[in-house]
Structures are given as C-alpha cells and as structure tokens.
C-alpha cells in the first residue's frame, strides 16, 4: 500500500535519472494531498520525469466499469494519453512493445472478472496501480493480483495527485527495463550473444573479420560458452549466408555411424541401406558445415575428413564416383587438441587443415559486468515462463552471480535463471532461487588477506584473457614480466602457466 514515498533504485552500474536530467529541467515541486485511508499526510515530493518523459506519447490504460471522469481529465492534464473503459475495448494498448502505465479499479469487478484480468496484469511492459477498498482487500483473489502484478495500491478515497504520482512511478519502473537492456548495445548476432566486456568485444570483431573470408575456422572454449552461436554468426555474415548451415555433433554419434552421417551412402551399401542417403557434408554444399566436438571424431573418420579437405570431393559408402562439394568447415571443441595430438588421439595434419583461423570463446567467469547483463537479458526473454511478474534480481542474487565460478558458463546461466523464474516466490529473484545461496555472505578476513585474494583474482582473469601469454598479461597489469612470474608463484598459479606453455609468451 502507498504509505510512504517510494524510491526508484537504479540497477548497479547504470546511468541514474539524476545524471540524465539537468536540474534546470526538473518540474516544480508540488504538494501531494492526503487521501489514503489511515495514512498520514504525504510530504512534498518532486515528480521526477521517467526515462521516456521526452517521448511524444505516454500511454495509460485505466480499466474500470465506470471510469472516474475527473481523474481521467486530471491525468490527461499531466500529459498522459488515457485509454479508459473495459479491458475488452482497450486491450490494443497492451499489444505495442512500448511501456504503458495502468490503473485497475478492483472495486468494479467480480472475483471471476478479476481472474480474467490476470493475463493483462502479467504484461511485462505494463506498470499497474490498483484501486481498492477494505472489503476487496479481504478477497484472496484481489490480494494475489495486487501482490504479484501491481506496483502499488490505493484505498479510497484517494487524491488525484496521489494517483498521478503513482502511475508516473510505475511507468518509470517498467521503463527502466529499457535502460538495462534495450539501450545497451550488447547483442550481437544471435540474441544469446550478449556482452560489453573487452573479451566479448574482441570476439565480435574477430567474427566480423573471419566472416569475410572462406578459410576454415576453429573455435575453442569451455563447454557452454556458445561456440555454435559463434559459428552461426560467422555463417550469417559470410558470402555463404544464403546457403545452408548444417551442424553435426561428432561426439553424439557412434563410431560406426559417423562416416555414413558425414558422407552418406548408396542403396545396398550395407544391410538395411534400402535407399540413398545424402551425408551432412553434401547437405551443406554451397554453405557452411559446423563440426561440433571435433575432438571426439574417431581416428579412422579423421582420415576420411582429411581427404575431403584436401580434394574437396566425397565418396558415399557403396559409391564409385567422387562427388565435388563446395563447403566451408567451422569446427569446435572444448578439449585441448594440442594435448590430444601429443597423445596420438588427433591427427596433426587434420588440425592444421581445420585451424586456419582460430576463435577463442571467453568463459563467463572472465566477463565481469557481463554476468549481470546476461542474467538480465535471460530474465527479459523468459520471465513470461513464471506465473509471477518477476521484475529483477535481489542484491543477494547479484552478489552470488559474481562470486560463483560458472563452470557451465552461459548454458548454466540460462538454466539457473529460467528455473528461478518459475520457482521464485517474490518479484525479485534471490540467490536461493538461483540455487546459489552458498555463494552469498562475506566471510571474516583480514585486510591483507582481502588484498591477496583480489590480486590473485586480477591475475587469473588477465591470464585468461591473454591465454596465459605472460608478456601481454604483464603489460595489461602494468608490471614487469618478472614481477608477474613472482606473483604467480606466490599465489600458486605457476602450474597453470606451465601447462599452457606460457613461458613462450
């Protein structure tokens, strides 16, 4: 219930309204008259323009059986474009993709009619204010709708100024979603490729460069970082974008089937081959073939793939005439192919055929602020999955997301947020909703220990960004290579450098 002046708290790291608007254009302070049942007189407060206050039209939907004409006139005087009446006659306002403020008079509808209003109240771009009274507040249906789908409620009698303030606040809150997501140039290619950090910006630049060539591309990165999304983005920006994009997971097909899947077979080639089958390589003719988890390809299939890359011709099983195929190969793996080559599990000559151009996917834990940005993006896309109107993340959830290691990377992030949307009991997703309750709270520590931990974390992230090339990492940290080497030994990071061959950097 509206008993005190609500305060809009901007998302961390985002531009605040105060910084967006010079004080010279703030409106004149106006007094807000009392009128709430049992509530004290409200203090004098300024009505802060919303982020969309400069737009030509601000829509307000007033749902009531008999709208208050005086209230409608007052709201129009504040610059609102008011659509008043039953939902059936005004529903078109909710079909646009722009924010809209809403007033719903709970006192003018029966319990069944109120239940029918729930889909409209769930609309993610609408900020609702409920008008009610003590009698209706005793109704569980009314309480459910207000608690889960309305920004605030007012018990009559009410003042027009109070309603004017509340709808402006609700409109501003739903508009903040635009600042968090739409106004941030973070989406590249597929809608899941979101990022503002330098590592992701470098990835986007690399995609643009390699897309303009026809050379084979090799993508490395941990599981769940979005290697297939990168492959699709390269294809869609290449001269082959009008051709097919065919993906095959080399680790998901049995060893005895991989050759027929790649190259196809003729009728009668083996028992059960009742008709000709076109292989994935041939399907991709004129386009792009994406070989995911190429590191799991059996050695005998590696030989056939190498021959195709050399001759650009295939032989179907049971066939006699070579078939020319024009296709670009993009491959990816999460395993260390250099170690696999050293162990004899992967052919060196095939690796050099596949890895003409290399793209490295950064892990989520090395992407800093992108963790929160990506979580907001996933919430924006999937929040209609839940029955409640989820509006954001609680501070505990944000803290936990930054503390968690994200071993499953972006795929794990999507799964955790989608599960939280369904399971959350409140409008804000908490750390417990994400299953990350154990990642919150700051343990007691000394200042020296905190400094050591921060130093170690900074070195780890820098080494990740530069693939453990010591000279480049030291330059970014502003220290000498010798000092970086000494700090790595002190923090127990020397082993990682030896495994990746960092001494050569």
Protein backbone atom coordinates (compact mmCIF):
# COMPACT_ATOMS: atom_id res chain seq x y z
CA UNK A 1 0.00 0.00 0.00
CA UNK A 2 1.16 3.54 -0.70
CA UNK A 3 2.05 4.88 2.77
CA UNK A 4 5.44 6.44 2.06
CA UNK A 5 7.20 7.93 -0.90
CA UNK A 6 8.62 5.04 -2.98
CA UNK A 7 12.19 5.35 -4.13
CA UNK A 8 13.40 4.07 -7.51
CA UNK A 9 16.81 2.43 -7.17
CA UNK A 10 18.70 2.22 -10.48
CA UNK A 11 20.38 -1.01 -11.44
CA UNK A 12 24.07 -1.19 -10.41
CA UNK A 13 26.37 0.36 -12.95
CA UNK A 14 23.56 2.03 -14.87
CA UNK A 15 23.03 5.71 -15.52
CA UNK A 16 20.75 7.22 -12.88
CA UNK A 17 17.92 9.55 -13.71
CA UNK A 18 19.66 12.36 -11.81
CA UNK A 19 22.65 12.08 -14.10
CA UNK A 20 20.42 12.00 -17.17
CA UNK A 21 18.46 15.18 -16.37
CA UNK A 22 19.92 18.61 -15.52
CA UNK A 23 18.30 20.19 -12.51
CA UNK A 24 17.13 23.08 -14.64
CA UNK A 25 14.50 20.91 -16.34
CA UNK A 26 13.08 19.25 -13.22
CA UNK A 27 9.41 20.14 -12.68
CA UNK A 28 8.21 22.42 -9.95
CA UNK A 29 7.76 20.70 -6.59
CA UNK A 30 4.08 20.13 -5.89
CA UNK A 31 2.31 19.10 -2.68
CA UNK A 32 0.59 15.73 -2.64
CA UNK A 33 -2.71 15.88 -0.82
CA UNK A 34 -3.68 13.27 1.78
CA UNK A 35 -6.39 10.82 0.96
CA UNK A 36 -5.23 7.34 1.80
CA UNK A 37 -7.25 5.62 4.45
CA UNK A 38 -5.29 5.75 7.72
CA UNK A 39 -2.21 7.19 6.05
CA UNK A 40 -0.52 10.39 7.26
CA UNK A 41 -0.19 13.46 5.08
CA UNK A 42 2.38 12.88 2.39
CA UNK A 43 5.48 15.05 2.26
CA UNK A 44 6.10 17.40 -0.60
CA UNK A 45 7.90 15.46 -3.30
CA UNK A 46 9.01 16.21 -6.84
CA UNK A 47 7.56 14.14 -9.65
CA UNK A 48 10.68 13.00 -11.47
CA UNK A 49 10.23 12.56 -15.23
CA UNK A 50 10.61 8.98 -16.41
CA UNK A 51 13.27 8.00 -18.96
CA UNK A 52 10.56 8.30 -21.61
CA UNK A 53 9.21 11.64 -20.43
CA UNK A 54 10.50 13.35 -23.54
CA UNK A 55 8.58 10.96 -25.80
CA UNK A 56 5.60 12.35 -27.69
CA UNK A 57 3.13 9.92 -26.11
CA UNK A 58 2.93 8.17 -22.75
CA UNK A 59 0.11 5.64 -22.71
CA UNK A 60 -2.01 4.99 -19.63
CA UNK A 61 -4.63 2.24 -19.51
CA UNK A 62 -7.46 2.81 -17.00
CA UNK A 63 -9.52 -0.35 -16.54
CA UNK A 64 -12.86 0.17 -14.77
CA UNK A 65 -16.55 -0.47 -15.32
CA UNK A 66 -17.25 3.25 -14.75
CA UNK A 67 -14.03 5.29 -15.04
CA UNK A 68 -13.76 8.42 -12.90
CA UNK A 69 -14.04 11.22 -15.46
CA UNK A 70 -12.44 13.79 -13.16
CA UNK A 71 -9.44 11.51 -12.70
CA UNK A 72 -9.20 10.96 -16.46
CA UNK A 73 -9.22 14.72 -17.05
CA UNK A 74 -6.52 15.23 -14.42
CA UNK A 75 -4.27 12.53 -15.89
CA UNK A 76 -4.65 14.00 -19.38
CA UNK A 77 -3.56 17.35 -17.98
CA UNK A 78 -0.31 15.68 -16.89
CA UNK A 79 0.39 14.60 -20.47
CA UNK A 80 -0.91 11.04 -20.39
CA UNK A 81 -2.75 9.53 -23.34
CA UNK A 82 -5.53 7.84 -21.36
CA UNK A 83 -7.48 4.83 -22.64
CA UNK A 84 -10.34 4.25 -20.19
CA UNK A 85 -13.03 1.58 -20.08
CA UNK A 86 -13.26 -2.18 -20.04
CA UNK A 87 -10.24 -4.28 -20.94
CA UNK A 88 -12.03 -5.74 -23.96
CA UNK A 89 -12.35 -2.30 -25.58
CA UNK A 90 -8.86 -1.05 -24.63
CA UNK A 91 -6.72 -4.22 -24.93
CA UNK A 92 -5.00 -2.93 -28.09
CA UNK A 93 -2.88 -0.61 -25.91
CA UNK A 94 -1.09 -3.68 -24.49
CA UNK A 95 -0.21 -5.03 -27.94
CA UNK A 96 2.52 -2.46 -28.50
CA UNK A 97 6.12 -3.01 -27.40
CA UNK A 98 6.33 0.33 -25.56
CA UNK A 99 5.93 0.83 -21.79
CA UNK A 100 2.45 1.62 -20.51
CA UNK A 101 1.14 2.68 -17.10
CA UNK A 102 -2.03 1.04 -15.85
CA UNK A 103 -4.80 1.68 -13.32
CA UNK A 104 -7.20 -1.12 -12.46
CA UNK A 105 -10.26 -0.43 -10.29
CA UNK A 106 -10.60 -3.65 -8.32
CA UNK A 107 -13.87 -2.46 -6.75
CA UNK A 108 -15.76 -2.53 -10.04
CA UNK A 109 -15.19 -6.20 -10.91
CA UNK A 110 -16.36 -9.52 -9.55
CA UNK A 111 -13.87 -12.20 -8.48
CA UNK A 112 -14.38 -14.07 -11.78
CA UNK A 113 -13.84 -10.89 -13.81
CA UNK A 114 -10.71 -10.09 -11.84
CA UNK A 115 -9.29 -13.54 -12.58
CA UNK A 116 -9.87 -12.90 -16.27
CA UNK A 117 -7.76 -9.74 -15.95
CA UNK A 118 -4.66 -11.65 -14.85
CA UNK A 119 -3.14 -12.06 -18.35
CA UNK A 120 -3.26 -8.29 -18.81
CA UNK A 121 -1.79 -7.65 -15.37
CA UNK A 122 1.05 -10.06 -16.19
CA UNK A 123 2.07 -7.97 -19.22
CA UNK A 124 5.78 -7.28 -18.79
CA UNK A 125 5.70 -3.75 -20.25
CA UNK A 126 2.82 -2.52 -18.07
CA UNK A 127 3.15 -0.98 -14.60
CA UNK A 128 -0.14 -1.35 -12.72
CA UNK A 129 -1.65 0.57 -9.81
CA UNK A 130 -4.72 -0.95 -8.10
CA UNK A 131 -7.68 0.99 -6.69
CA UNK A 132 -9.41 -0.97 -3.94
CA UNK A 133 -11.09 -0.81 -0.52
CA UNK A 134 -11.10 -2.78 2.75
CA UNK A 135 -13.83 -5.13 1.57
CA UNK A 136 -11.98 -6.19 -1.57
CA UNK A 137 -8.67 -6.46 0.27
CA UNK A 138 -10.23 -9.30 2.25
CA UNK A 139 -10.68 -11.22 -1.02
CA UNK A 140 -7.76 -13.65 -1.65
CA UNK A 141 -8.07 -13.15 -5.42
CA UNK A 142 -7.58 -9.40 -5.07
CA UNK A 143 -4.64 -9.86 -2.68
CA UNK A 144 -2.98 -12.31 -5.09
CA UNK A 145 -3.31 -9.95 -8.05
CA UNK A 146 -2.01 -6.94 -6.14
CA UNK A 147 0.90 -8.78 -4.51
CA UNK A 148 2.20 -10.37 -7.71
CA UNK A 149 1.30 -7.97 -10.52
CA UNK A 150 0.89 -4.41 -9.19
CA UNK A 151 3.50 -1.85 -8.19
CA UNK A 152 1.23 -0.37 -5.53
CA UNK A 153 -2.41 0.00 -4.43
CA UNK A 154 -4.55 2.78 -3.01
CA UNK A 155 -7.59 2.53 -0.77
CA UNK A 156 -10.30 5.09 -1.43
CA UNK A 157 -10.97 7.86 -1.05
CA UNK A 158 -7.86 8.98 -2.89
CA UNK A 159 -6.47 12.21 -4.28
CA UNK A 160 -5.79 12.71 -7.95
CA UNK A 161 -2.25 13.91 -7.16
CA UNK A 162 -1.50 10.62 -5.39
CA UNK A 163 -2.65 8.60 -8.40
CA UNK A 164 -0.66 10.88 -10.69
CA UNK A 165 2.50 10.27 -8.67
CA UNK A 166 1.99 6.51 -8.52
CA UNK A 167 1.35 5.95 -12.22
CA UNK A 168 4.40 8.06 -13.05
CA UNK A 169 6.48 5.91 -10.70
CA UNK A 170 5.10 2.66 -12.14
CA UNK A 171 5.74 3.87 -15.69
CA UNK A 172 9.28 4.81 -14.75
CA UNK A 173 9.97 1.40 -13.24
CA UNK A 174 8.86 -0.54 -16.33
CA UNK A 175 10.83 1.91 -18.47
CA UNK A 176 14.00 1.13 -16.50
CA UNK A 177 13.97 -2.24 -18.24
CA UNK A 178 14.64 -0.36 -21.49
CA UNK A 179 17.69 1.32 -19.94
CA UNK A 180 19.05 -2.00 -18.69
CA UNK A 181 18.56 -3.93 -21.90
CA UNK A 182 17.45 -2.07 -24.98
CA UNK A 183 19.69 0.98 -24.64
CA UNK A 184 22.82 -1.09 -24.08
CA UNK A 185 24.48 -2.15 -27.36
CA UNK A 186 25.25 -5.66 -26.17
CA UNK A 187 23.51 -8.06 -28.53
CA UNK A 188 25.47 -9.45 -31.45
CA UNK A 189 24.15 -11.99 -33.94
CA UNK A 190 22.00 -14.48 -32.12
CA UNK A 191 20.15 -12.98 -29.18
CA UNK A 192 22.16 -15.05 -26.69
CA UNK A 193 25.46 -13.41 -27.73
CA UNK A 194 25.40 -10.60 -25.21
CA UNK A 195 28.43 -8.75 -23.91
CA UNK A 196 30.11 -5.41 -23.27
CA UNK A 197 33.44 -6.54 -21.79
CA UNK A 198 36.62 -6.25 -23.83
CA UNK A 199 36.86 -10.04 -24.29
CA UNK A 200 33.40 -10.15 -25.92
CA UNK A 201 34.02 -7.04 -28.00
CA UNK A 202 37.20 -8.69 -29.27
CA UNK A 203 35.16 -11.81 -30.10
CA UNK A 204 32.65 -9.72 -32.06
CA UNK A 205 35.45 -8.03 -34.00
CA UNK A 206 37.01 -11.41 -34.77
CA UNK A 207 33.69 -12.77 -36.05
CA UNK A 208 33.34 -9.86 -38.45
CA UNK A 209 36.86 -10.40 -39.77
CA UNK A 210 36.73 -14.16 -40.30
CA UNK A 211 33.24 -13.97 -41.82
CA UNK A 212 34.64 -12.09 -44.81
CA UNK A 213 36.97 -14.95 -45.78
CA UNK A 214 36.29 -18.51 -46.90
CA UNK A 215 39.03 -20.16 -44.81
CA UNK A 216 38.22 -22.88 -42.30
CA UNK A 217 37.61 -21.69 -38.74
CA UNK A 218 38.44 -23.46 -35.48
CA UNK A 219 36.55 -22.34 -32.31
CA UNK A 220 37.87 -23.16 -28.84
CA UNK A 221 36.23 -22.63 -25.49
CA UNK A 222 34.79 -24.33 -22.45
CA UNK A 223 31.51 -26.19 -22.62
CA UNK A 224 28.54 -23.82 -22.59
CA UNK A 225 30.33 -20.69 -23.81
CA UNK A 226 28.32 -20.51 -27.05
CA UNK A 227 30.59 -21.96 -29.72
CA UNK A 228 27.71 -22.90 -32.02
CA UNK A 229 26.26 -19.39 -31.71
CA UNK A 230 29.60 -18.03 -32.89
CA UNK A 231 29.59 -20.45 -35.82
CA UNK A 232 26.09 -19.31 -36.81
CA UNK A 233 27.12 -15.64 -36.52
CA UNK A 234 30.10 -16.25 -38.82
CA UNK A 235 27.91 -18.04 -41.37
CA UNK A 236 25.23 -15.33 -41.34
CA UNK A 237 27.82 -12.63 -42.06
CA UNK A 238 29.67 -14.56 -44.75
CA UNK A 239 29.12 -14.65 -48.52
CA UNK A 240 27.65 -18.14 -47.92
CA UNK A 241 24.78 -16.83 -45.77
CA UNK A 242 22.19 -17.74 -48.41
CA UNK A 243 23.43 -21.32 -48.38
CA UNK A 244 22.63 -23.98 -45.75
CA UNK A 245 24.14 -24.11 -42.26
CA UNK A 246 24.48 -27.77 -41.26
CA UNK A 247 25.62 -28.75 -37.77
CA UNK A 248 26.72 -32.15 -36.55
CA UNK A 249 27.90 -33.14 -33.08
CA UNK A 250 30.78 -35.54 -33.63
CA UNK A 251 30.58 -36.72 -30.01
CA UNK A 252 26.90 -37.66 -30.15
CA UNK A 253 27.13 -40.21 -32.98
CA UNK A 254 28.51 -43.72 -32.62
CA UNK A 255 31.85 -44.52 -34.22
CA UNK A 256 30.26 -46.95 -36.66
CA UNK A 257 27.76 -44.32 -37.88
CA UNK A 258 29.87 -41.17 -38.11
CA UNK A 259 31.22 -41.91 -41.60
CA UNK A 260 27.78 -42.54 -43.10
CA UNK A 261 26.42 -39.44 -41.36
CA UNK A 262 29.20 -37.28 -42.79
CA UNK A 263 29.42 -38.69 -46.31
CA UNK A 264 26.17 -40.62 -46.87
CA UNK A 265 25.71 -43.96 -48.59
CA UNK A 266 24.21 -45.58 -51.68
CA UNK A 267 21.35 -48.02 -51.72
CA UNK A 268 22.59 -51.52 -50.94
CA UNK A 269 25.87 -50.31 -49.44
CA UNK A 270 25.17 -52.45 -46.36
CA UNK A 271 22.34 -54.41 -44.79
CA UNK A 272 19.41 -52.11 -44.17
CA UNK A 273 20.52 -49.46 -46.71
CA UNK A 274 17.23 -49.50 -48.65
CA UNK A 275 17.71 -46.11 -50.27
CA UNK A 276 20.36 -43.49 -50.93
CA UNK A 277 21.22 -41.18 -48.02
CA UNK A 278 22.81 -37.77 -48.53
CA UNK A 279 25.51 -37.08 -45.91
CA UNK A 280 25.87 -33.89 -43.86
CA UNK A 281 28.85 -32.70 -45.89
CA UNK A 282 26.84 -32.93 -49.11
CA UNK A 283 23.81 -31.28 -47.44
CA UNK A 284 25.96 -28.26 -46.69
CA UNK A 285 27.02 -27.78 -50.34
CA UNK A 286 27.20 -24.04 -51.02
CA UNK A 287 27.04 -23.21 -47.32
CA UNK A 288 28.74 -23.99 -44.02
CA UNK A 289 29.32 -27.28 -42.19
CA UNK A 290 29.75 -26.97 -38.41
CA UNK A 291 31.59 -29.90 -36.81
CA UNK A 292 30.98 -29.57 -33.08
CA UNK A 293 33.17 -31.50 -30.63
CA UNK A 294 35.61 -32.36 -33.42
CA UNK A 295 37.98 -33.68 -30.78
CA UNK A 296 35.71 -36.73 -30.35
CA UNK A 297 35.97 -37.74 -34.02
CA UNK A 298 37.41 -41.29 -34.33
CA UNK A 299 40.83 -41.65 -35.98
CA UNK A 300 39.54 -43.59 -38.99
CA UNK A 301 36.91 -40.89 -39.65
CA UNK A 302 39.63 -38.27 -39.29
CA UNK A 303 41.38 -39.84 -42.27
CA UNK A 304 38.28 -39.53 -44.47
CA UNK A 305 37.67 -35.95 -43.36
CA UNK A 306 41.29 -35.04 -44.11
CA UNK A 307 40.99 -36.50 -47.59
CA UNK A 308 37.86 -34.45 -48.25
CA UNK A 309 39.56 -31.24 -47.06
CA UNK A 310 42.44 -31.91 -49.44
CA UNK A 311 40.43 -32.90 -52.52
CA UNK A 312 37.05 -31.24 -51.83
CA UNK A 313 35.37 -34.42 -53.02
CA UNK A 314 33.49 -37.14 -51.15
CA UNK A 315 32.72 -40.79 -51.76
CA UNK A 316 29.40 -42.11 -50.47
CA UNK A 317 29.61 -45.55 -48.89
CA UNK A 318 28.97 -48.05 -51.65
CA UNK A 319 29.53 -45.40 -54.31
CA UNK A 320 32.13 -45.34 -57.10
CA UNK A 321 32.11 -41.77 -58.45
CA UNK A 322 33.62 -38.93 -56.37
CA UNK A 323 31.25 -36.01 -55.75
CA UNK A 324 32.59 -32.44 -55.64
CA UNK A 325 31.29 -30.42 -52.71
CA UNK A 326 31.79 -26.69 -52.11
CA UNK A 327 31.53 -26.15 -48.36
CA UNK A 328 33.23 -24.13 -45.63
CA UNK A 329 34.20 -26.01 -42.46
CA UNK A 330 33.81 -24.50 -39.00
CA UNK A 331 34.84 -26.82 -36.18
CA UNK A 332 34.79 -26.52 -32.42
CA UNK A 333 35.82 -28.40 -29.30
CA UNK A 334 36.10 -27.90 -25.56
CA UNK A 335 39.07 -30.25 -25.17
CA UNK A 336 42.75 -29.41 -25.61
CA UNK A 337 43.53 -30.65 -29.13
CA UNK A 338 47.25 -29.95 -28.68
CA UNK A 339 47.29 -32.45 -25.81
CA UNK A 340 45.18 -34.85 -27.90
CA UNK A 341 47.70 -34.59 -30.75
CA UNK A 342 50.57 -35.25 -28.35
CA UNK A 343 48.74 -38.34 -27.10
CA UNK A 344 48.07 -39.58 -30.64
CA UNK A 345 44.28 -39.17 -30.42
CA UNK A 346 44.06 -36.47 -33.07
CA UNK A 347 45.89 -36.09 -36.36
CA UNK A 348 48.25 -33.12 -36.57
CA UNK A 349 47.72 -32.70 -40.32
CA UNK A 350 43.94 -32.57 -39.85
CA UNK A 351 44.28 -30.00 -37.08
CA UNK A 352 46.27 -27.66 -39.33
CA UNK A 353 43.67 -28.06 -42.09
CA UNK A 354 40.86 -27.16 -39.70
CA UNK A 355 42.63 -24.42 -37.73
CA UNK A 356 43.37 -21.87 -40.45
CA UNK A 357 41.60 -19.15 -38.43
CA UNK A 358 41.16 -19.52 -34.68
CA UNK A 359 38.44 -18.02 -32.47
CA UNK A 360 38.64 -18.23 -28.67
CA UNK A 361 35.42 -18.08 -26.62
CA UNK A 362 35.92 -16.38 -23.20
CA UNK A 363 34.50 -18.20 -20.15
CA UNK A 364 31.65 -16.47 -18.33
CA UNK A 365 33.65 -16.01 -15.13
CA UNK A 366 36.14 -13.82 -17.05
CA UNK A 367 33.46 -11.49 -18.42
CA UNK A 368 32.96 -9.22 -15.39
CA UNK A 369 29.90 -6.98 -15.65
CA UNK A 370 28.57 -9.13 -18.49
CA UNK A 371 27.44 -11.68 -15.89
CA UNK A 372 24.73 -9.32 -14.64
CA UNK A 373 23.91 -8.02 -18.12
CA UNK A 374 23.44 -11.57 -19.44
CA UNK A 375 21.28 -12.52 -16.45
CA UNK A 376 19.01 -9.52 -17.12
CA UNK A 377 18.85 -10.46 -20.79
CA UNK A 378 17.80 -14.04 -19.97
CA UNK A 379 15.23 -12.76 -17.46
CA UNK A 380 13.80 -10.37 -20.06
CA UNK A 381 13.45 -13.20 -22.58
CA UNK A 382 12.00 -15.93 -20.35
CA UNK A 383 10.20 -14.19 -17.48
CA UNK A 384 6.81 -14.98 -19.02
CA UNK A 385 7.53 -18.64 -18.11
CA UNK A 386 6.57 -17.98 -14.48
CA UNK A 387 3.19 -17.16 -13.01
CA UNK A 388 4.53 -14.20 -11.04
CA UNK A 389 5.66 -10.92 -12.52
CA UNK A 390 9.41 -11.04 -11.95
CA UNK A 391 10.95 -7.56 -12.14
CA UNK A 392 14.63 -8.20 -11.42
CA UNK A 393 17.30 -9.67 -9.15
CA UNK A 394 17.73 -9.13 -5.42
CA UNK A 395 21.15 -7.88 -4.17
CA UNK A 396 21.88 -11.36 -2.82
CA UNK A 397 21.40 -12.86 -6.31
CA UNK A 398 23.72 -10.31 -7.92
CA UNK A 399 26.38 -10.93 -5.26
CA UNK A 400 26.11 -14.69 -5.73
CA UNK A 401 26.34 -14.48 -9.53
CA UNK A 402 29.59 -12.54 -9.29
CA UNK A 403 31.01 -14.96 -6.70
CA UNK A 404 30.06 -18.18 -8.48
CA UNK A 405 32.59 -19.90 -10.79
CA UNK A 406 30.08 -20.71 -13.61
CA UNK A 407 31.68 -23.96 -14.66
CA UNK A 408 28.80 -24.48 -17.12
CA UNK A 409 29.18 -20.93 -18.46
CA UNK A 410 26.31 -19.31 -20.42
CA UNK A 411 24.33 -22.54 -20.71
CA UNK A 412 24.33 -22.89 -16.93
CA UNK A 413 23.36 -19.24 -16.50
CA UNK A 414 20.33 -19.68 -18.76
CA UNK A 415 19.21 -22.83 -16.94
CA UNK A 416 19.56 -21.31 -13.46
CA UNK A 417 17.69 -18.10 -14.35
CA UNK A 418 14.88 -19.97 -16.13
CA UNK A 419 14.43 -22.26 -13.13
CA UNK A 420 14.42 -19.27 -10.78
CA UNK A 421 11.73 -17.52 -12.85
CA UNK A 422 9.43 -20.48 -12.25
CA UNK A 423 10.34 -21.15 -8.60
CA UNK A 424 10.69 -17.59 -7.23
CA UNK A 425 8.19 -16.64 -4.52
CA UNK A 426 8.68 -12.88 -4.89
CA UNK A 427 9.10 -10.28 -7.63
CA UNK A 428 12.88 -10.26 -7.13
CA UNK A 429 14.91 -13.40 -7.79
CA UNK A 430 17.13 -14.26 -4.82
CA UNK A 431 20.37 -16.21 -4.55
CA UNK A 432 18.41 -19.18 -3.16
CA UNK A 433 16.10 -19.10 -6.20
CA UNK A 434 19.20 -19.46 -8.39
CA UNK A 435 20.50 -22.30 -6.23
CA UNK A 436 23.46 -20.11 -5.26
CA UNK A 437 22.64 -19.39 -1.63
CA UNK A 438 26.02 -20.80 -0.62
CA UNK A 439 27.77 -18.07 -2.65
CA UNK A 440 26.45 -15.14 -0.61
CA UNK A 441 27.87 -13.54 2.50
CA UNK A 442 31.30 -12.16 3.13
CA UNK A 443 33.50 -14.24 5.37
CA UNK A 444 35.53 -12.57 8.11
CA UNK A 445 39.00 -11.81 6.81
CA UNK A 446 41.94 -9.52 7.33
CA UNK A 447 42.70 -6.61 5.04
CA UNK A 448 45.91 -8.31 3.91
CA UNK A 449 44.02 -11.49 3.01
CA UNK A 450 41.43 -9.48 1.07
CA UNK A 451 44.18 -7.74 -0.87
CA UNK A 452 45.85 -11.07 -1.67
CA UNK A 453 42.56 -12.55 -2.87
CA UNK A 454 41.84 -9.52 -5.08
CA UNK A 455 45.38 -9.63 -6.51
CA UNK A 456 45.12 -13.32 -7.28
CA UNK A 457 41.73 -12.86 -8.95
CA UNK A 458 43.00 -9.98 -11.09
CA UNK A 459 45.99 -12.04 -12.25
CA UNK A 460 43.80 -15.07 -13.03
CA UNK A 461 41.37 -13.06 -15.15
CA UNK A 462 44.15 -11.26 -17.01
CA UNK A 463 45.90 -14.55 -17.79
CA UNK A 464 42.61 -15.96 -19.07
CA UNK A 465 42.05 -13.01 -21.38
CA UNK A 466 45.56 -13.32 -22.84
CA UNK A 467 45.59 -17.14 -22.94
CA UNK A 468 48.44 -17.21 -20.38
CA UNK A 469 50.84 -15.17 -22.50
CA UNK A 470 52.89 -13.60 -19.72
CA UNK A 471 54.26 -10.61 -21.63
CA UNK A 472 50.78 -9.45 -22.71
CA UNK A 473 49.26 -10.09 -19.27
CA UNK A 474 52.07 -8.19 -17.52
CA UNK A 475 51.62 -5.23 -19.87
CA UNK A 476 47.90 -5.01 -19.05
CA UNK A 477 48.57 -5.26 -15.30
CA UNK A 478 51.23 -2.56 -15.53
CA UNK A 479 54.02 -4.70 -14.08
CA UNK A 480 57.12 -6.39 -15.46
CA UNK A 481 57.08 -9.97 -16.66
CA UNK A 482 59.48 -10.92 -13.84
CA UNK A 483 57.12 -9.42 -11.24
CA UNK A 484 54.14 -11.22 -12.76
CA UNK A 485 56.08 -14.51 -12.68
CA UNK A 486 56.94 -13.94 -8.99
CA UNK A 487 53.31 -13.17 -8.09
CA UNK A 488 52.09 -16.25 -9.95
CA UNK A 489 54.43 -18.42 -7.91
CA UNK A 490 53.29 -16.72 -4.68
CA UNK A 491 49.62 -17.32 -5.49
CA UNK A 492 50.06 -20.89 -6.71
CA UNK A 493 49.33 -20.04 -10.35
CA UNK A 494 52.64 -21.23 -11.77
CA UNK A 495 51.29 -24.70 -12.59
CA UNK A 496 48.64 -23.36 -14.99
CA UNK A 497 51.26 -21.35 -16.84
CA UNK A 498 53.48 -24.40 -17.33
CA UNK A 499 50.61 -26.49 -18.69
CA UNK A 500 49.65 -23.87 -21.28
CA UNK A 501 53.19 -23.11 -22.30
CA UNK A 502 53.04 -19.51 -21.05
CA UNK A 503 56.82 -19.23 -20.79
CA UNK A 504 56.89 -18.89 -24.54
CA UNK A 505 54.83 -15.68 -24.25
